[in-house]
Amino acid sequence: MCNLRCTFCQNYDISHVRNGEDLTPEDLAEWYIKLQNLGGVHNINLVTPEHVVPQVALSILTAAEMGLRIPIVYNTSAYDSFESLKLLDGLVDIYLPDFKLWSSAESKRLLKAEDYPNAAKESIREMHRQVGDLCFTPDGIARRGLLVRHLIMPGLTDESEKIMRWLSAEVSKDTFVNLMDQYRPAANVGKAKKARVPKATHASTDKETSFSQGKEGVRYADINRAITNDELTTVRKAAEDAGLWRFCDPPKHGGFHI
């Protein structure tokens, strides 16, 4: 389960409910080996494992003793603790964090986590310290490093621009960035607000009551739309102006794989 409660979660049906089954670190290690030896995968991708880092670390150590050779990908919201990331130093090959929002006010409103920006900045700095900039094998498969994802939000390009400038100045101009344009209203966005209808008085009429109920509106109306091409262009230009140059563009010569 994800440790954030984003109001716009694009994967609400799988990230906010408890699915699957419980596994021990040893069970996980065996799965890593099966995927490597029988599945033909390029890496082991651990998605939102922030809440089980000690168990993940033990599973990686166990799998290494069993012959694990492919990279470990830590796929995260960046809402990690510094102490947890220290446990993973030397165990994770590729860090794949999101950097969602810049300001505490918007993070409190949309992520339900006012401290998210500071946590994300501290986490991404530490991730880069551990693995550096993203590098690849000769055949274009990601081998080691940091790739930061950013979902561009409608009406919030100022947040995006500040994130791009920070990545360039405080992490690395060679940071690989995935500017994602697939935002769509989901989860709680666009849902009808619960109407607060005052108790009826002797003077009120059915017509007045029904009029009050009809003015309820929708939740998070400001982000109840897709992003525009202008917003995407604005963020991309801000990233380039900041000195960033490595983006997940459509592949021209076979591209790369993670």
C-alpha atoms as a PDB file:
ATOM      1  CA  MET A   1       0.000   0.000   0.000  1.00  0.00           C
ATOM      2  CA  CYS A   2       1.160   3.516  -0.782  1.00  0.00           C
ATOM      3  CA  ASN A   3       2.146   5.713   2.164  1.00  0.00           C
ATOM      4  CA  LEU A   4       0.556   8.795   0.558  1.00  0.00           C
ATOM      5  CA  ARG A   5      -3.132   9.534   0.032  1.00  0.00           C
ATOM      6  CA  CYS A   6      -3.052  11.607  -3.133  1.00  0.00           C
ATOM      7  CA  THR A   7      -6.470  13.014  -3.951  1.00  0.00           C
ATOM      8  CA  PHE A   8      -5.761  12.464  -7.664  1.00  0.00           C
ATOM      9  CA  CYS A   9      -4.135   9.016  -7.450  1.00  0.00           C
ATOM     10  CA  GLN A  10      -3.894   7.489 -10.933  1.00  0.00           C
ATOM     11  CA  ASN A  11      -3.695   3.971  -9.450  1.00  0.00           C
ATOM     12  CA  TYR A  12      -6.338   4.362  -6.766  1.00  0.00           C
ATOM     13  CA  ASP A  13      -7.801   0.903  -7.296  1.00  0.00           C
ATOM     14  CA  ILE A  14      -4.558  -0.862  -6.354  1.00  0.00           C
ATOM     15  CA  SER A  15      -2.614   1.551  -4.147  1.00  0.00           C
ATOM     16  CA  HIS A  16      -5.191   2.401  -1.468  1.00  0.00           C
ATOM     17  CA  VAL A  17      -6.436  -1.100  -0.710  1.00  0.00           C
ATOM     18  CA  ARG A  18      -4.774  -4.138   0.779  1.00  0.00           C
ATOM     19  CA  ASN A  19      -4.331  -6.821  -1.878  1.00  0.00           C
ATOM     20  CA  GLY A  20      -2.017  -9.772  -2.360  1.00  0.00           C
ATOM     21  CA  GLU A  21      -0.519 -11.981   0.300  1.00  0.00           C
ATOM     22  CA  ASP A  22       2.068 -11.772   3.053  1.00  0.00           C
ATOM     23  CA  LEU A  23       5.594 -12.919   2.201  1.00  0.00           C
ATOM     24  CA  THR A  24       8.712 -13.331   4.303  1.00  0.00           C
ATOM     25  CA  PRO A  25      12.023 -11.813   3.148  1.00  0.00           C
ATOM     26  CA  GLU A  26      13.103 -15.338   2.235  1.00  0.00           C
ATOM     27  CA  ASP A  27       9.968 -15.810   0.117  1.00  0.00           C
ATOM     28  CA  LEU A  28      10.706 -12.555  -1.691  1.00  0.00           C
ATOM     29  CA  ALA A  29      14.295 -13.590  -2.338  1.00  0.00           C
ATOM     30  CA  GLU A  30      13.104 -16.813  -3.947  1.00  0.00           C
ATOM     31  CA  TRP A  31      10.791 -14.831  -6.223  1.00  0.00           C
ATOM     32  CA  TYR A  32      13.661 -12.572  -7.298  1.00  0.00           C
ATOM     33  CA  ILE A  33      15.661 -15.631  -8.321  1.00  0.00           C
ATOM     34  CA  LYS A  34      12.703 -17.193 -10.156  1.00  0.00           C
ATOM     35  CA  LEU A  35      12.115 -13.988 -12.089  1.00  0.00           C
ATOM     36  CA  GLN A  36      15.794 -13.761 -12.978  1.00  0.00           C
ATOM     37  CA  ASN A  37      16.296 -17.382 -14.000  1.00  0.00           C
ATOM     38  CA  LEU A  38      12.906 -18.226 -15.496  1.00  0.00           C
ATOM     39  CA  GLY A  39      11.233 -14.901 -16.283  1.00  0.00           C
ATOM     40  CA  GLY A  40      14.001 -13.331 -18.324  1.00  0.00           C
ATOM     41  CA  VAL A  41      13.495  -9.937 -16.665  1.00  0.00           C
ATOM     42  CA  HIS A  42      15.988  -7.057 -16.815  1.00  0.00           C
ATOM     43  CA  ASN A  43      15.568  -6.110 -13.148  1.00  0.00           C
ATOM     44  CA  ILE A  44      13.566  -6.537  -9.954  1.00  0.00           C
ATOM     45  CA  ASN A  45      11.214  -3.550  -9.610  1.00  0.00           C
ATOM     46  CA  LEU A  46       9.999  -2.939  -6.045  1.00  0.00           C
ATOM     47  CA  VAL A  47       6.976  -0.616  -6.169  1.00  0.00           C
ATOM     48  CA  THR A  48       6.147   1.628  -3.170  1.00  0.00           C
ATOM     49  CA  PRO A  49       8.135  -0.428  -0.644  1.00  0.00           C
ATOM     50  CA  GLU A  50       8.712   2.515   1.726  1.00  0.00           C
ATOM     51  CA  HIS A  51       6.821   0.909   4.620  1.00  0.00           C
ATOM     52  CA  VAL A  52       8.723  -2.414   4.527  1.00  0.00           C
ATOM     53  CA  VAL A  53      12.325  -1.312   3.926  1.00  0.00           C
ATOM     54  CA  PRO A  54      13.969  -3.534   6.599  1.00  0.00           C
ATOM     55  CA  GLN A  55      12.295  -6.607   5.120  1.00  0.00           C
ATOM     56  CA  VAL A  56      13.222  -5.528   1.576  1.00  0.00           C
ATOM     57  CA  ALA A  57      16.859  -5.046   2.578  1.00  0.00           C
ATOM     58  CA  LEU A  58      16.961  -8.531   4.085  1.00  0.00           C
ATOM     59  CA  SER A  59      15.354 -10.027   0.967  1.00  0.00           C
ATOM     60  CA  ILE A  60      17.997  -8.436  -1.282  1.00  0.00           C
ATOM     61  CA  LEU A  61      20.849  -9.681   0.893  1.00  0.00           C
ATOM     62  CA  THR A  62      19.346 -13.177   0.890  1.00  0.00           C
ATOM     63  CA  ALA A  63      18.837 -13.140  -2.889  1.00  0.00           C
ATOM     64  CA  ALA A  64      22.431 -12.011  -3.446  1.00  0.00           C
ATOM     65  CA  GLU A  65      23.626 -15.100  -1.586  1.00  0.00           C
ATOM     66  CA  MET A  66      21.371 -17.176  -3.866  1.00  0.00           C
ATOM     67  CA  GLY A  67      22.917 -15.732  -7.034  1.00  0.00           C
ATOM     68  CA  LEU A  68      20.928 -12.581  -7.852  1.00  0.00           C
ATOM     69  CA  ARG A  69      22.759 -10.658 -10.595  1.00  0.00           C
ATOM     70  CA  ILE A  70      20.175  -8.294 -12.118  1.00  0.00           C
ATOM     71  CA  PRO A  71      19.616  -4.736 -10.807  1.00  0.00           C
ATOM     72  CA  ILE A  72      17.232  -3.870  -8.000  1.00  0.00           C
ATOM     73  CA  VAL A  73      14.904  -0.936  -8.793  1.00  0.00           C
ATOM     74  CA  TYR A  74      13.443   1.019  -5.861  1.00  0.00           C
ATOM     75  CA  ASN A  75      10.235   2.581  -7.229  1.00  0.00           C
ATOM     76  CA  THR A  76       8.986   5.192  -4.760  1.00  0.00           C
ATOM     77  CA  SER A  77       6.933   8.329  -4.129  1.00  0.00           C
ATOM     78  CA  ALA A  78      10.075   9.809  -2.489  1.00  0.00           C
ATOM     79  CA  TYR A  79       8.146  10.046   0.779  1.00  0.00           C
ATOM     80  CA  ASP A  80      10.900   8.045   2.427  1.00  0.00           C
ATOM     81  CA  SER A  81      12.764   8.429   5.672  1.00  0.00           C
ATOM     82  CA  PHE A  82      16.486   9.129   5.532  1.00  0.00           C
ATOM     83  CA  GLU A  83      17.107   6.283   7.963  1.00  0.00           C
ATOM     84  CA  SER A  84      15.322   3.797   5.702  1.00  0.00           C
ATOM     85  CA  LEU A  85      17.346   4.842   2.673  1.00  0.00           C
ATOM     86  CA  LYS A  86      20.578   4.370   4.607  1.00  0.00           C
ATOM     87  CA  LEU A  87      19.598   0.721   5.063  1.00  0.00           C
ATOM     88  CA  LEU A  88      19.480   0.361   1.273  1.00  0.00           C
ATOM     89  CA  ASP A  89      22.894   1.887   0.578  1.00  0.00           C
ATOM     90  CA  GLY A  90      24.791  -0.613  -1.556  1.00  0.00           C
ATOM     91  CA  LEU A  91      21.713  -2.795  -2.133  1.00  0.00           C
ATOM     92  CA  VAL A  92      19.654  -0.749  -4.621  1.00  0.00           C
ATOM     93  CA  ASP A  93      20.988  -0.185  -8.131  1.00  0.00           C
ATOM     94  CA  ILE A  94      18.345   2.117  -9.618  1.00  0.00           C
ATOM     95  CA  TYR A  95      16.239   4.636  -7.715  1.00  0.00           C
ATOM     96  CA  LEU A  96      12.986   5.638  -9.437  1.00  0.00           C
ATOM     97  CA  PRO A  97      11.383   8.355  -7.265  1.00  0.00           C
ATOM     98  CA  ASP A  98       8.524  10.713  -8.004  1.00  0.00           C
ATOM     99  CA  PHE A  99       8.838  14.376  -7.105  1.00  0.00           C
ATOM    100  CA  LYS A 100       5.184  15.340  -7.028  1.00  0.00           C
ATOM    101  CA  LEU A 101       4.784  18.832  -5.587  1.00  0.00           C
ATOM    102  CA  TRP A 102       7.060  21.613  -4.389  1.00  0.00           C
ATOM    103  CA  SER A 103       5.056  23.521  -1.780  1.00  0.00           C
ATOM    104  CA  SER A 104       3.896  22.375   1.627  1.00  0.00           C
ATOM    105  CA  ALA A 105       0.496  23.987   1.098  1.00  0.00           C
ATOM    106  CA  GLU A 106      -0.264  22.057  -2.094  1.00  0.00           C
ATOM    107  CA  SER A 107       1.197  18.870  -0.621  1.00  0.00           C
ATOM    108  CA  LYS A 108      -1.079  19.161   2.384  1.00  0.00           C
ATOM    109  CA  ARG A 109      -4.090  19.798   0.154  1.00  0.00           C
ATOM    110  CA  LEU A 110      -3.461  17.212  -2.565  1.00  0.00           C
ATOM    111  CA  LEU A 111      -1.186  14.571  -0.992  1.00  0.00           C
ATOM    112  CA  LYS A 112      -2.394  14.821   2.622  1.00  0.00           C
ATOM    113  CA  ALA A 113       1.281  15.137   3.617  1.00  0.00           C
ATOM    114  CA  GLU A 114       2.428  18.660   4.450  1.00  0.00           C
ATOM    115  CA  ASP A 115       6.023  17.515   4.990  1.00  0.00           C
ATOM    116  CA  TYR A 116       6.274  15.794   1.594  1.00  0.00           C
ATOM    117  CA  PRO A 117       8.490  18.406  -0.147  1.00  0.00           C
ATOM    118  CA  ASN A 118      11.206  18.318   2.506  1.00  0.00           C
ATOM    119  CA  ALA A 119      11.090  14.520   2.680  1.00  0.00           C
ATOM    120  CA  ALA A 120      11.333  14.247  -1.110  1.00  0.00           C
ATOM    121  CA  LYS A 121      14.280  16.628  -1.340  1.00  0.00           C
ATOM    122  CA  GLU A 122      16.202  14.832   1.396  1.00  0.00           C
ATOM    123  CA  SER A 123      15.389  11.436  -0.113  1.00  0.00           C
ATOM    124  CA  ILE A 124      16.349  12.313  -3.690  1.00  0.00           C
ATOM    125  CA  ARG A 125      19.640  13.847  -2.563  1.00  0.00           C
ATOM    126  CA  GLU A 126      20.488  10.655  -0.681  1.00  0.00           C
ATOM    127  CA  MET A 127      19.439   8.444  -3.584  1.00  0.00           C
ATOM    128  CA  HIS A 128      21.745  10.353  -5.927  1.00  0.00           C
ATOM    129  CA  ARG A 129      24.588  10.162  -3.419  1.00  0.00           C
ATOM    130  CA  GLN A 130      24.236   6.391  -3.382  1.00  0.00           C
ATOM    131  CA  VAL A 131      23.906   5.618  -7.104  1.00  0.00           C
ATOM    132  CA  GLY A 132      24.743   8.769  -9.097  1.00  0.00           C
ATOM    133  CA  ASP A 133      23.365   9.675 -12.512  1.00  0.00           C
ATOM    134  CA  LEU A 134      21.600   7.040 -14.601  1.00  0.00           C
ATOM    135  CA  CYS A 135      23.857   4.873 -16.770  1.00  0.00           C
ATOM    136  CA  PHE A 136      23.154   2.046 -19.193  1.00  0.00           C
ATOM    137  CA  THR A 137      24.541  -1.171 -20.599  1.00  0.00           C
ATOM    138  CA  PRO A 138      25.760  -1.111 -24.239  1.00  0.00           C
ATOM    139  CA  ASP A 139      22.389  -2.491 -25.362  1.00  0.00           C
ATOM    140  CA  GLY A 140      20.425   0.333 -23.718  1.00  0.00           C
ATOM    141  CA  ILE A 141      19.251  -1.269 -20.479  1.00  0.00           C
ATOM    142  CA  ALA A 142      19.410   0.888 -17.356  1.00  0.00           C
ATOM    143  CA  ARG A 143      22.109  -0.457 -15.071  1.00  0.00           C
ATOM    144  CA  ARG A 144      22.556   1.995 -12.207  1.00  0.00           C
ATOM    145  CA  GLY A 145      21.562   5.487 -11.157  1.00  0.00           C
ATOM    146  CA  LEU A 146      18.698   7.883 -10.483  1.00  0.00           C
ATOM    147  CA  LEU A 147      15.654   8.631 -12.657  1.00  0.00           C
ATOM    148  CA  VAL A 148      13.191  11.215 -11.318  1.00  0.00           C
ATOM    149  CA  ARG A 149       9.567  11.173 -12.467  1.00  0.00           C
ATOM    150  CA  HIS A 150       7.311  14.213 -12.356  1.00  0.00           C
ATOM    151  CA  LEU A 151       3.599  14.165 -13.146  1.00  0.00           C
ATOM    152  CA  ILE A 152       2.665  17.574 -14.544  1.00  0.00           C
ATOM    153  CA  MET A 153      -0.510  18.839 -12.871  1.00  0.00           C
ATOM    154  CA  PRO A 154      -3.122  21.186 -14.372  1.00  0.00           C
ATOM    155  CA  GLY A 155      -2.715  24.742 -13.151  1.00  0.00           C
ATOM    156  CA  LEU A 156       0.411  23.920 -11.148  1.00  0.00           C
ATOM    157  CA  THR A 157       3.246  24.553 -13.589  1.00  0.00           C
ATOM    158  CA  ASP A 158       4.880  26.894 -11.069  1.00  0.00           C
ATOM    159  CA  GLU A 159       5.356  23.880  -8.777  1.00  0.00           C
ATOM    160  CA  SER A 160       6.911  21.937 -11.657  1.00  0.00           C
ATOM    161  CA  GLU A 161       9.278  24.749 -12.607  1.00  0.00           C
ATOM    162  CA  LYS A 162      10.636  24.990  -9.057  1.00  0.00           C
ATOM    163  CA  ILE A 163      11.203  21.227  -8.951  1.00  0.00           C
ATOM    164  CA  MET A 164      13.139  21.325 -12.242  1.00  0.00           C
ATOM    165  CA  ARG A 165      15.350  24.180 -11.030  1.00  0.00           C
ATOM    166  CA  TRP A 166      16.022  22.372  -7.762  1.00  0.00           C
ATOM    167  CA  LEU A 167      16.974  19.109  -9.489  1.00  0.00           C
ATOM    168  CA  SER A 168      19.468  20.928 -11.682  1.00  0.00           C
ATOM    169  CA  ALA A 169      20.999  23.037  -8.913  1.00  0.00           C
ATOM    170  CA  GLU A 170      20.916  20.643  -5.960  1.00  0.00           C
ATOM    171  CA  VAL A 171      21.146  17.149  -7.486  1.00  0.00           C
ATOM    172  CA  SER A 172      22.733  17.151 -10.956  1.00  0.00           C
ATOM    173  CA  LYS A 173      22.253  18.755 -14.346  1.00  0.00           C
ATOM    174  CA  ASP A 174      22.686  15.209 -15.669  1.00  0.00           C
ATOM    175  CA  THR A 175      19.651  13.943 -13.757  1.00  0.00           C
ATOM    176  CA  PHE A 176      17.439  11.796 -15.995  1.00  0.00           C
ATOM    177  CA  VAL A 177      13.892  13.190 -15.817  1.00  0.00           C
ATOM    178  CA  ASN A 178      10.586  11.701 -16.929  1.00  0.00           C
ATOM    179  CA  LEU A 179       8.089  14.530 -17.474  1.00  0.00           C
ATOM    180  CA  MET A 180       4.775  12.703 -17.430  1.00  0.00           C
ATOM    181  CA  ASP A 181       1.788  14.191 -19.258  1.00  0.00           C
ATOM    182  CA  GLN A 182      -0.785  11.472 -18.585  1.00  0.00           C
ATOM    183  CA  TYR A 183      -2.586  13.183 -15.689  1.00  0.00           C
ATOM    184  CA  ARG A 184      -6.320  12.598 -15.653  1.00  0.00           C
ATOM    185  CA  PRO A 185      -8.941  13.332 -12.979  1.00  0.00           C
ATOM    186  CA  ALA A 186      -9.133  10.247 -10.779  1.00  0.00           C
ATOM    187  CA  ALA A 187      -9.793   9.076  -7.218  1.00  0.00           C
ATOM    188  CA  ASN A 188     -11.463  11.994  -5.369  1.00  0.00           C
ATOM    189  CA  VAL A 189     -11.046  14.605  -8.097  1.00  0.00           C
ATOM    190  CA  GLY A 190     -14.340  15.581  -9.705  1.00  0.00           C
ATOM    191  CA  LYS A 191     -16.501  13.807  -7.175  1.00  0.00           C
ATOM    192  CA  ALA A 192     -19.584  15.661  -6.015  1.00  0.00           C
ATOM    193  CA  LYS A 193     -19.181  17.618  -2.817  1.00  0.00           C
ATOM    194  CA  LYS A 194     -21.439  16.629   0.004  1.00  0.00           C
ATOM    195  CA  ALA A 195     -24.082  19.321   0.195  1.00  0.00           C
ATOM    196  CA  ARG A 196     -24.684  21.002   3.521  1.00  0.00           C
ATOM    197  CA  VAL A 197     -28.383  21.677   3.473  1.00  0.00           C
ATOM    198  CA  PRO A 198     -29.714  23.652   6.451  1.00  0.00           C
ATOM    199  CA  LYS A 199     -32.521  22.130   8.421  1.00  0.00           C
ATOM    200  CA  ALA A 200     -35.874  22.981   6.978  1.00  0.00           C
ATOM    201  CA  THR A 201     -37.895  25.659   8.742  1.00  0.00           C
ATOM    202  CA  HIS A 202     -41.597  26.281   8.586  1.00  0.00           C
ATOM    203  CA  ALA A 203     -40.901  29.046   6.071  1.00  0.00           C
ATOM    204  CA  SER A 204     -38.792  26.895   3.712  1.00  0.00           C
ATOM    205  CA  THR A 205     -40.254  25.203   0.673  1.00  0.00           C
ATOM    206  CA  ASP A 206     -39.389  22.052  -1.235  1.00  0.00           C
ATOM    207  CA  LYS A 207     -38.225  24.259  -4.091  1.00  0.00           C
ATOM    208  CA  GLU A 208     -35.714  26.077  -1.857  1.00  0.00           C
ATOM    209  CA  THR A 209     -34.350  22.805  -0.446  1.00  0.00           C
ATOM    210  CA  SER A 210     -33.843  21.251  -3.864  1.00  0.00           C
ATOM    211  CA  PHE A 211     -32.084  24.425  -5.084  1.00  0.00           C
ATOM    212  CA  SER A 212     -29.564  24.178  -2.211  1.00  0.00           C
ATOM    213  CA  GLN A 213     -28.789  20.555  -3.001  1.00  0.00           C
ATOM    214  CA  GLY A 214     -28.178  21.372  -6.663  1.00  0.00           C
ATOM    215  CA  LYS A 215     -25.336  23.828  -5.949  1.00  0.00           C
ATOM    216  CA  GLU A 216     -22.983  21.280  -4.395  1.00  0.00           C
ATOM    217  CA  GLY A 217     -20.225  21.448  -7.081  1.00  0.00           C
ATOM    218  CA  VAL A 218     -17.291  19.035  -7.357  1.00  0.00           C
ATOM    219  CA  ARG A 219     -14.202  18.388  -5.261  1.00  0.00           C
ATOM    220  CA  TYR A 220     -10.807  19.704  -6.401  1.00  0.00           C
ATOM    221  CA  ALA A 221     -12.390  21.489  -9.348  1.00  0.00           C
ATOM    222  CA  ASP A 222      -9.113  23.271 -10.161  1.00  0.00           C
ATOM    223  CA  ILE A 223      -7.449  19.992 -11.197  1.00  0.00           C
ATOM    224  CA  ASN A 224     -10.533  18.384 -12.706  1.00  0.00           C
ATOM    225  CA  ARG A 225      -9.099  18.397 -16.243  1.00  0.00           C
ATOM    226  CA  ALA A 226      -6.182  17.114 -18.289  1.00  0.00           C
ATOM    227  CA  ILE A 227      -3.084  19.261 -18.756  1.00  0.00           C
ATOM    228  CA  THR A 228      -2.756  21.399 -21.879  1.00  0.00           C
ATOM    229  CA  ASN A 229       0.003  21.319 -24.481  1.00  0.00           C
ATOM    230  CA  ASP A 230       1.030  24.788 -23.300  1.00  0.00           C
ATOM    231  CA  GLU A 231       1.493  23.501 -19.745  1.00  0.00           C
ATOM    232  CA  LEU A 232       3.631  20.608 -20.953  1.00  0.00           C
ATOM    233  CA  THR A 233       5.725  22.966 -23.091  1.00  0.00           C
ATOM    234  CA  THR A 234       6.141  25.401 -20.189  1.00  0.00           C
ATOM    235  CA  VAL A 235       7.506  22.729 -17.857  1.00  0.00           C
ATOM    236  CA  ARG A 236       9.803  21.228 -20.495  1.00  0.00           C
ATOM    237  CA  LYS A 237      11.224  24.677 -21.279  1.00  0.00           C
ATOM    238  CA  ALA A 238      11.738  25.386 -17.577  1.00  0.00           C
ATOM    239  CA  ALA A 239      13.661  22.127 -17.232  1.00  0.00           C
ATOM    240  CA  GLU A 240      15.852  22.889 -20.243  1.00  0.00           C
ATOM    241  CA  ASP A 241      16.425  26.488 -19.113  1.00  0.00           C
ATOM    242  CA  ALA A 242      17.581  25.099 -15.759  1.00  0.00           C
ATOM    243  CA  GLY A 243      20.217  23.024 -17.558  1.00  0.00           C
ATOM    244  CA  LEU A 244      18.540  19.624 -17.512  1.00  0.00           C
ATOM    245  CA  TRP A 245      18.927  17.715 -20.765  1.00  0.00           C
ATOM    246  CA  ARG A 246      18.277  14.019 -20.186  1.00  0.00           C
ATOM    247  CA  PHE A 247      14.579  13.292 -20.707  1.00  0.00           C
ATOM    248  CA  CYS A 248      12.472  10.198 -21.339  1.00  0.00           C
ATOM    249  CA  ASP A 249      11.534  11.206 -24.865  1.00  0.00           C
ATOM    250  CA  PRO A 250      10.112   8.742 -27.405  1.00  0.00           C
ATOM    251  CA  PRO A 251      13.009   6.545 -28.547  1.00  0.00           C
ATOM    252  CA  LYS A 252      14.736   7.471 -31.800  1.00  0.00           C
ATOM    253  CA  HIS A 253      17.245   4.653 -32.074  1.00  0.00           C
ATOM    254  CA  GLY A 254      15.767   1.823 -30.063  1.00  0.00           C
ATOM    255  CA  GLY A 255      15.669   3.885 -26.869  1.00  0.00           C
ATOM    256  CA  PHE A 256      16.441   2.360 -23.512  1.00  0.00           C
ATOM    257  CA  HIS A 257      14.766   0.061 -21.045  1.00  0.00           C
ATOM    258  CA  ILE A 258      14.318   0.018 -17.300  1.00  0.00           C
END
